[in-house]
Amino acid sequence: LGRAAQDLLLKGVPYIAHNSLSAAAYSHENIKRFVESVEDQEWLRGILRKEGLVAFIRNGAILPRSSGASDKPMQGNVTKWESPSSFIRTFNLPNAGEITGTGIPKGVTLICGGGFHGKSTLLQAIEVGVYNKIPNDGRDFVVSDKDILKVK
């Protein structure tokens, strides 16, 4: 058991660190795309209050996750987010350009629908919208005001 722990600490951990934390592990294009995506998400999050919004959900976002224990987007026959016409907002991001989606205004917003229509999935996406996402997460342009919180 001691030898296994030694191998894990002296070989496994350095290998994982090198292949995940080192810029050399990623292509220049992927790093650039990630940085630009984070810049755009931060810009969008920063303009929410000025626009009277608490959250924004990009049209085409994939909100459901592959499982309850995963951050990966659901694959297959997935309904992509489409903004109700009364909530459509368009912004011009510094890197990605024009983006259209749902602007959720400050105040009380009622989310209703039948069972298994995505109400909880939408609320979960808004809840984690305070964090930046990696490109192709599906929720990469679901952003929320940094001061929102969940109350159960």
C-alpha atoms as a PDB file:
ATOM      1  CA  LEU A   1       0.000   0.000   0.000  1.00  0.00           C
ATOM      2  CA  GLY A   2       2.886   2.345   0.779  1.00  0.00           C
ATOM      3  CA  ARG A   3       4.435   1.714  -2.665  1.00  0.00           C
ATOM      4  CA  ALA A   4       1.082   2.498  -4.365  1.00  0.00           C
ATOM      5  CA  ALA A   5       0.792   5.767  -2.430  1.00  0.00           C
ATOM      6  CA  GLN A   6       4.380   6.649  -3.343  1.00  0.00           C
ATOM      7  CA  ASP A   7       3.709   5.992  -7.048  1.00  0.00           C
ATOM      8  CA  LEU A   8       0.527   8.026  -6.932  1.00  0.00           C
ATOM      9  CA  LEU A   9       2.172  11.003  -5.232  1.00  0.00           C
ATOM     10  CA  LEU A  10       5.491  10.951  -7.074  1.00  0.00           C
ATOM     11  CA  LYS A  11       4.331   9.876 -10.550  1.00  0.00           C
ATOM     12  CA  GLY A  12       0.573  10.179 -10.868  1.00  0.00           C
ATOM     13  CA  VAL A  13       0.051  13.658  -9.419  1.00  0.00           C
ATOM     14  CA  PRO A  14       2.921  15.271 -11.384  1.00  0.00           C
ATOM     15  CA  TYR A  15       1.675  13.624 -14.597  1.00  0.00           C
ATOM     16  CA  ILE A  16      -1.871  14.911 -14.060  1.00  0.00           C
ATOM     17  CA  ALA A  17      -0.617  18.376 -13.113  1.00  0.00           C
ATOM     18  CA  HIS A  18       1.634  18.607 -16.168  1.00  0.00           C
ATOM     19  CA  ASN A  19      -1.108  17.451 -18.547  1.00  0.00           C
ATOM     20  CA  SER A  20      -3.831  19.673 -17.133  1.00  0.00           C
ATOM     21  CA  LEU A  21      -2.173  22.755 -15.650  1.00  0.00           C
ATOM     22  CA  SER A  22       0.552  23.313 -18.228  1.00  0.00           C
ATOM     23  CA  ALA A  23      -0.167  25.619 -21.165  1.00  0.00           C
ATOM     24  CA  ALA A  24       1.808  23.179 -23.312  1.00  0.00           C
ATOM     25  CA  ALA A  25      -1.019  20.654 -22.822  1.00  0.00           C
ATOM     26  CA  TYR A  26      -3.390  22.860 -24.852  1.00  0.00           C
ATOM     27  CA  SER A  27      -3.274  24.312 -28.328  1.00  0.00           C
ATOM     28  CA  HIS A  28      -2.759  28.048 -28.721  1.00  0.00           C
ATOM     29  CA  GLU A  29      -6.177  28.273 -30.409  1.00  0.00           C
ATOM     30  CA  ASN A  30      -7.941  26.533 -27.499  1.00  0.00           C
ATOM     31  CA  ILE A  31      -6.273  28.811 -24.959  1.00  0.00           C
ATOM     32  CA  LYS A  32      -7.208  31.896 -27.012  1.00  0.00           C
ATOM     33  CA  ARG A  33     -10.817  30.687 -27.364  1.00  0.00           C
ATOM     34  CA  PHE A  34     -11.047  30.064 -23.622  1.00  0.00           C
ATOM     35  CA  VAL A  35      -9.633  33.474 -22.678  1.00  0.00           C
ATOM     36  CA  GLU A  36     -11.906  35.286 -25.142  1.00  0.00           C
ATOM     37  CA  SER A  37     -14.921  33.348 -23.875  1.00  0.00           C
ATOM     38  CA  VAL A  38     -14.139  34.307 -20.272  1.00  0.00           C
ATOM     39  CA  GLU A  39     -13.617  37.945 -21.301  1.00  0.00           C
ATOM     40  CA  ASP A  40     -17.002  37.951 -23.049  1.00  0.00           C
ATOM     41  CA  GLN A  41     -18.775  36.315 -20.104  1.00  0.00           C
ATOM     42  CA  GLU A  42     -17.248  38.829 -17.694  1.00  0.00           C
ATOM     43  CA  TRP A  43     -18.196  41.725 -19.978  1.00  0.00           C
ATOM     44  CA  LEU A  44     -21.778  40.455 -20.208  1.00  0.00           C
ATOM     45  CA  ARG A  45     -21.990  39.871 -16.446  1.00  0.00           C
ATOM     46  CA  GLY A  46     -20.657  43.377 -15.896  1.00  0.00           C
ATOM     47  CA  ILE A  47     -23.371  45.024 -18.004  1.00  0.00           C
ATOM     48  CA  LEU A  48     -26.353  43.172 -16.489  1.00  0.00           C
ATOM     49  CA  ARG A  49     -27.113  45.712 -13.730  1.00  0.00           C
ATOM     50  CA  LYS A  50     -26.800  48.684 -16.060  1.00  0.00           C
ATOM     51  CA  GLU A  51     -29.320  46.983 -18.345  1.00  0.00           C
ATOM     52  CA  GLY A  52     -31.700  46.243 -15.436  1.00  0.00           C
ATOM     53  CA  LEU A  53     -31.102  42.485 -15.674  1.00  0.00           C
ATOM     54  CA  VAL A  54     -30.161  39.771 -13.201  1.00  0.00           C
ATOM     55  CA  ALA A  55     -29.363  37.059 -15.764  1.00  0.00           C
ATOM     56  CA  PHE A  56     -28.949  36.354 -19.477  1.00  0.00           C
ATOM     57  CA  ILE A  57     -29.417  33.038 -21.324  1.00  0.00           C
ATOM     58  CA  ARG A  58     -28.043  32.810 -24.864  1.00  0.00           C
ATOM     59  CA  ASN A  59     -30.347  31.482 -27.578  1.00  0.00           C
ATOM     60  CA  GLY A  60     -29.146  28.006 -28.509  1.00  0.00           C
ATOM     61  CA  ALA A  61     -27.822  27.258 -25.018  1.00  0.00           C
ATOM     62  CA  ILE A  62     -27.916  23.623 -23.943  1.00  0.00           C
ATOM     63  CA  LEU A  63     -29.018  23.788 -20.325  1.00  0.00           C
ATOM     64  CA  PRO A  64     -29.568  20.104 -19.398  1.00  0.00           C
ATOM     65  CA  ARG A  65     -26.531  18.185 -18.185  1.00  0.00           C
ATOM     66  CA  SER A  66     -25.716  14.601 -19.212  1.00  0.00           C
ATOM     67  CA  SER A  67     -26.525  13.460 -15.654  1.00  0.00           C
ATOM     68  CA  GLY A  68     -27.183  14.935 -12.246  1.00  0.00           C
ATOM     69  CA  ALA A  69     -23.522  14.365 -11.334  1.00  0.00           C
ATOM     70  CA  SER A  70     -22.009  15.857 -14.497  1.00  0.00           C
ATOM     71  CA  ASP A  71     -21.229  19.311 -15.848  1.00  0.00           C
ATOM     72  CA  LYS A  72     -21.107  17.993 -19.423  1.00  0.00           C
ATOM     73  CA  PRO A  73     -23.992  19.028 -21.694  1.00  0.00           C
ATOM     74  CA  MET A  74     -26.638  16.468 -22.555  1.00  0.00           C
ATOM     75  CA  GLN A  75     -26.117  14.883 -25.967  1.00  0.00           C
ATOM     76  CA  GLY A  76     -28.617  13.666 -28.525  1.00  0.00           C
ATOM     77  CA  ASN A  77     -32.156  14.957 -28.878  1.00  0.00           C
ATOM     78  CA  VAL A  78     -31.832  18.080 -26.710  1.00  0.00           C
ATOM     79  CA  THR A  79     -34.055  21.142 -26.864  1.00  0.00           C
ATOM     80  CA  LYS A  80     -31.878  24.219 -27.170  1.00  0.00           C
ATOM     81  CA  TRP A  81     -32.879  27.392 -25.347  1.00  0.00           C
ATOM     82  CA  GLU A  82     -34.999  29.838 -27.320  1.00  0.00           C
ATOM     83  CA  SER A  83     -35.958  33.171 -25.787  1.00  0.00           C
ATOM     84  CA  PRO A  84     -39.588  34.154 -25.320  1.00  0.00           C
ATOM     85  CA  SER A  85     -40.166  37.167 -27.578  1.00  0.00           C
ATOM     86  CA  SER A  86     -40.963  39.512 -24.689  1.00  0.00           C
ATOM     87  CA  PHE A  87     -37.534  38.867 -23.093  1.00  0.00           C
ATOM     88  CA  ILE A  88     -35.255  39.021 -26.155  1.00  0.00           C
ATOM     89  CA  ARG A  89     -32.075  41.050 -25.687  1.00  0.00           C
ATOM     90  CA  THR A  90     -29.098  41.481 -27.989  1.00  0.00           C
ATOM     91  CA  PHE A  91     -25.574  42.488 -26.968  1.00  0.00           C
ATOM     92  CA  ASN A  92     -22.368  43.036 -28.902  1.00  0.00           C
ATOM     93  CA  LEU A  93     -19.608  41.139 -27.086  1.00  0.00           C
ATOM     94  CA  PRO A  94     -15.977  42.299 -27.346  1.00  0.00           C
ATOM     95  CA  ASN A  95     -14.751  39.019 -28.904  1.00  0.00           C
ATOM     96  CA  ALA A  96     -17.690  36.898 -30.093  1.00  0.00           C
ATOM     97  CA  GLY A  97     -19.699  39.787 -31.518  1.00  0.00           C
ATOM     98  CA  GLU A  98     -23.483  39.858 -31.475  1.00  0.00           C
ATOM     99  CA  ILE A  99     -25.326  37.547 -29.104  1.00  0.00           C
ATOM    100  CA  THR A 100     -29.088  37.230 -28.647  1.00  0.00           C
ATOM    101  CA  GLY A 101     -31.009  35.576 -25.858  1.00  0.00           C
ATOM    102  CA  THR A 102     -33.206  36.031 -22.823  1.00  0.00           C
ATOM    103  CA  GLY A 103     -32.644  38.930 -20.472  1.00  0.00           C
ATOM    104  CA  ILE A 104     -34.227  38.246 -17.096  1.00  0.00           C
ATOM    105  CA  PRO A 105     -35.179  41.589 -15.564  1.00  0.00           C
ATOM    106  CA  LYS A 106     -34.555  42.633 -11.984  1.00  0.00           C
ATOM    107  CA  GLY A 107     -37.617  42.017  -9.828  1.00  0.00           C
ATOM    108  CA  VAL A 108     -39.974  39.078  -9.594  1.00  0.00           C
ATOM    109  CA  THR A 109     -40.022  36.691 -12.553  1.00  0.00           C
ATOM    110  CA  LEU A 110     -42.435  33.766 -12.627  1.00  0.00           C
ATOM    111  CA  ILE A 111     -41.195  30.550 -14.239  1.00  0.00           C
ATOM    112  CA  CYS A 112     -44.011  28.091 -14.795  1.00  0.00           C
ATOM    113  CA  GLY A 113     -44.762  25.015 -16.863  1.00  0.00           C
ATOM    114  CA  GLY A 114     -45.680  21.356 -16.678  1.00  0.00           C
ATOM    115  CA  GLY A 115     -43.668  18.549 -15.205  1.00  0.00           C
ATOM    116  CA  PHE A 116     -40.329  17.848 -16.925  1.00  0.00           C
ATOM    117  CA  HIS A 117     -40.446  21.056 -18.985  1.00  0.00           C
ATOM    118  CA  GLY A 118     -37.093  22.391 -17.725  1.00  0.00           C
ATOM    119  CA  LYS A 119     -37.996  24.801 -14.923  1.00  0.00           C
ATOM    120  CA  SER A 120     -35.458  23.354 -12.471  1.00  0.00           C
ATOM    121  CA  THR A 121     -32.873  23.002 -15.234  1.00  0.00           C
ATOM    122  CA  LEU A 122     -33.271  26.693 -16.095  1.00  0.00           C
ATOM    123  CA  LEU A 123     -32.973  27.710 -12.438  1.00  0.00           C
ATOM    124  CA  GLN A 124     -29.850  25.556 -11.997  1.00  0.00           C
ATOM    125  CA  ALA A 125     -28.257  27.169 -15.075  1.00  0.00           C
ATOM    126  CA  ILE A 126     -29.032  30.638 -13.702  1.00  0.00           C
ATOM    127  CA  GLU A 127     -27.679  29.605 -10.289  1.00  0.00           C
ATOM    128  CA  VAL A 128     -24.274  28.621 -11.717  1.00  0.00           C
ATOM    129  CA  GLY A 129     -24.325  31.599 -14.090  1.00  0.00           C
ATOM    130  CA  VAL A 130     -22.191  33.484 -11.555  1.00  0.00           C
ATOM    131  CA  TYR A 131     -19.258  31.310 -12.730  1.00  0.00           C
ATOM    132  CA  ASN A 132     -17.518  31.407 -16.104  1.00  0.00           C
ATOM    133  CA  LYS A 133     -17.856  28.327 -18.308  1.00  0.00           C
ATOM    134  CA  ILE A 134     -15.534  26.725 -20.798  1.00  0.00           C
ATOM    135  CA  PRO A 135     -16.394  27.034 -24.505  1.00  0.00           C
ATOM    136  CA  ASN A 136     -18.920  24.418 -25.691  1.00  0.00           C
ATOM    137  CA  ASP A 137     -20.233  23.831 -22.172  1.00  0.00           C
ATOM    138  CA  GLY A 138     -23.696  24.679 -23.477  1.00  0.00           C
ATOM    139  CA  ARG A 139     -24.103  27.238 -20.717  1.00  0.00           C
ATOM    140  CA  ASP A 140     -21.086  29.351 -21.682  1.00  0.00           C
ATOM    141  CA  PHE A 141     -23.256  32.415 -22.188  1.00  0.00           C
ATOM    142  CA  VAL A 142     -25.663  31.844 -19.340  1.00  0.00           C
ATOM    143  CA  VAL A 143     -24.498  34.596 -17.013  1.00  0.00           C
ATOM    144  CA  SER A 144     -25.974  35.893 -13.778  1.00  0.00           C
ATOM    145  CA  ASP A 145     -25.325  38.878 -11.581  1.00  0.00           C
ATOM    146  CA  LYS A 146     -22.473  37.961  -9.237  1.00  0.00           C
ATOM    147  CA  ASP A 147     -24.634  38.732  -6.185  1.00  0.00           C
ATOM    148  CA  ILE A 148     -27.555  36.374  -6.867  1.00  0.00           C
ATOM    149  CA  LEU A 149     -28.144  33.519  -4.470  1.00  0.00           C
ATOM    150  CA  LYS A 150     -30.266  30.435  -4.137  1.00  0.00           C
ATOM    151  CA  VAL A 151     -32.741  30.146  -1.253  1.00  0.00           C
ATOM    152  CA  LYS A 152     -34.340  26.781  -0.498  1.00  0.00           C
END
